[in-house]
Structure formats: structure tokens, C-alpha cells
Amino acid sequence: MSAKAVRIFKVGGPEVMEYVDIEVGDPGPGEVRIRQHACGLNFIDVYFRTGLYPQPLPAGLGMEGAGIVDAVGEGVAHLVAGDRVAYACQPPGAYAQVRTMPAAGVVKLPQAIPFDVAAGSMMRGLTVQYLFRRTYPLRPGDTILFHAAAGGVGLIACQWAKALGVTMIGTVGSDEKAELAREYGCTHVINYNRENFVERVKDITDGKGVSVVYDSIGKDTFLDSLNCLAPMGMMVSFGNASGPVEPFGLGELASRGSLFLTRPSIFNYTAKRNDLEEMAADLFTMITQGHIRIDIGKRYEMANVRTAHSDLEARKTTGSLILIP
């Protein structure tokens, strides 16, 4: 069947994305074909577009979507045609009206969760789930630092931390974003354009530092984030919005109090089907019980994907961004 999709034939800026006609075949063994109602836009898509994360070209973009299964390949037992589904997984290719993909990364979507909410929460929500439940299991009373607190991941983190009884210190780039983070439950908010976040974290924690820092910014915040940690605290570097973290000596961890460092990826945490099912169930429960509401910051027609990427990279956005096929 014919469908529209975004393709890149070279890496570069937003202008390399083209909205083209493609042919979508029947699903092969272990695959499903999905008619998509909404697709999520994430910073990882920028990494693939620019070549920071290499892939063979030409290629699709997008790791997250929601829609209805319209065909099932041989050997797929957990899905049938007509199922409402959502996913956040490899391979890229979510920016499409219709796509075939491995069924192993696709989960059933509860009727109570709209497609746009699912597309705006799978990648971000599963990220917060593994960060808070598994990378560093948070407990009531913990104090954490979370960068980009008004972004799509950050706003989910604000709410999840509040539900867990965790004190969250969030950083943002404007007073407007600070107000948004507070609205979503962030305990303390730091505008890094007006305040030194290391000094503020020390003030808030009476000089003790935090038990864990969650940092998706990368190069610009990495060393200062280490300076916010209490001895034997954990640095969780899970993104590179400002560029990759530059090489550094392991002695930097020892000199600051025997710190721990991890660079997690959602795809390692969701690689096993049972783990993915449990993580998605946890996220869906948090949403349906009202602990988390998904802020759709902006919706873009998929034909306007270049504008969407430009806005994301310029940090003009808050909340989750959605492409409508």
C-alpha cells in the first residue's frame, strides 16, 4: 500500500528531512503493520538525523508512535489486527502514516489512554520509569537533581517524583519554564540562566548534595552535575542535548567522593519482553490513576517536520511534541 513518510538521504540539519511517498508491504515473520494516529518527537531523532547516531541511508526517523494494528505477521502471538497499540523502540521509522515493524517492541494500549497521549509518553514515560525504578531506585525522602525539568521527560519526572515522595530539584532556562515545572510538582526550581545551579543545590541541601543527578544535557552540565552529588552519589547521564560529554579522568569521580556514573539507554532496559511489559504497565497505571498527566506542548502536521525539529533544537518547546500523520 502507498503511504507518506519522512526519509533522510543524508545527515544534517532539519532541511535534510523529506516527506515522501513510500510503499508499505505486508508484515513479515515477527512483524506487525500499524496505521499510526500519532507519532512522538524526541531528541534522539535529532541524533539520528545529524549522524551522531549513525544508521544506513536512506533511512526513516522516529522511535515512538501509537495506532491500530491492521496486519500481523507469522509467529506474532500477543497482538491481533484491530488492537490499539503503542511503542518506543528501534528501528527508527515512526514518522510515517503506516509502517511495518518488529512486534516485540509493541505493547497493547489501554482504551482509557488516547493515541496522542501514548505517542507523547511512551519514550519519555518509559525513560522516567527506568530512571526512577531501576537505574537508581528512588525512595521517599530522597533528594534528586533533574535537568531540563520543563521538557517532555522532565514534566513526567516532576509528577512521578512527587508521587514517590521524592524532593526534586529541577533546572530550567526561563521563568516561564520554572513556573511550569512547579505546576507539575517540582519541589525546587533553578533558572540556570540567572542562578548557579551548583550553588543553589548546595544551599537547598545544606551543603550535603543530592543522592542522584539525572542529566540529559550532556557537555554543558556534566562536570557541574558531578559537583552537586553527595559522596557515593550517582551521576546518570542519559542524553546529549548540548553535545557529547567530553573525555575525563576517572579520578574526577574519586576526588568528589567515590561517585558512581552510568550512561543508560532505554533500549537496554526494554530489550527483554517481560521487562517492557512491566515497565509499560507501570507507566499506564500512573497515567490512568491520575498521578501523571501528559502535557502535549505542541502538535505538528508531519509535513511540517522540519519546523518541529527546529523548534526542538532551539529549546522553544515544553512538554511532549506530537507529529500527526
Foldseek 3Di string as FASTA:
>chain_A
DKWWFWKAQDADALVRIDTDIDDADAAEAQKWKFQFFWAFDDVVQNCDRRCVPDDDPGDGAGFWTWGFTQHDYPPDDQDDGGFTKIFGHDDGTRRIRMHMDRPLGIDGDDPVADGHQRNQQHQLVLVLLCVCPPPPPDAAPFEEEEEPLQAANNLQNQLVCVVRNYAYEYEDADPVSQVNSVVSHHNHYHNVVVDPVLVVLCVVVVNQAGQEYEAACAQVCVLSNLSRHGAQHEYEHAHHLPHHHDDDDPVSCVVSHNYHYDHDDSCVQPVDSVSVVVSVVVSSCCVVVPSDDFDAFEEAASNVVSVVSVCVSVVVTGTIYMYGD
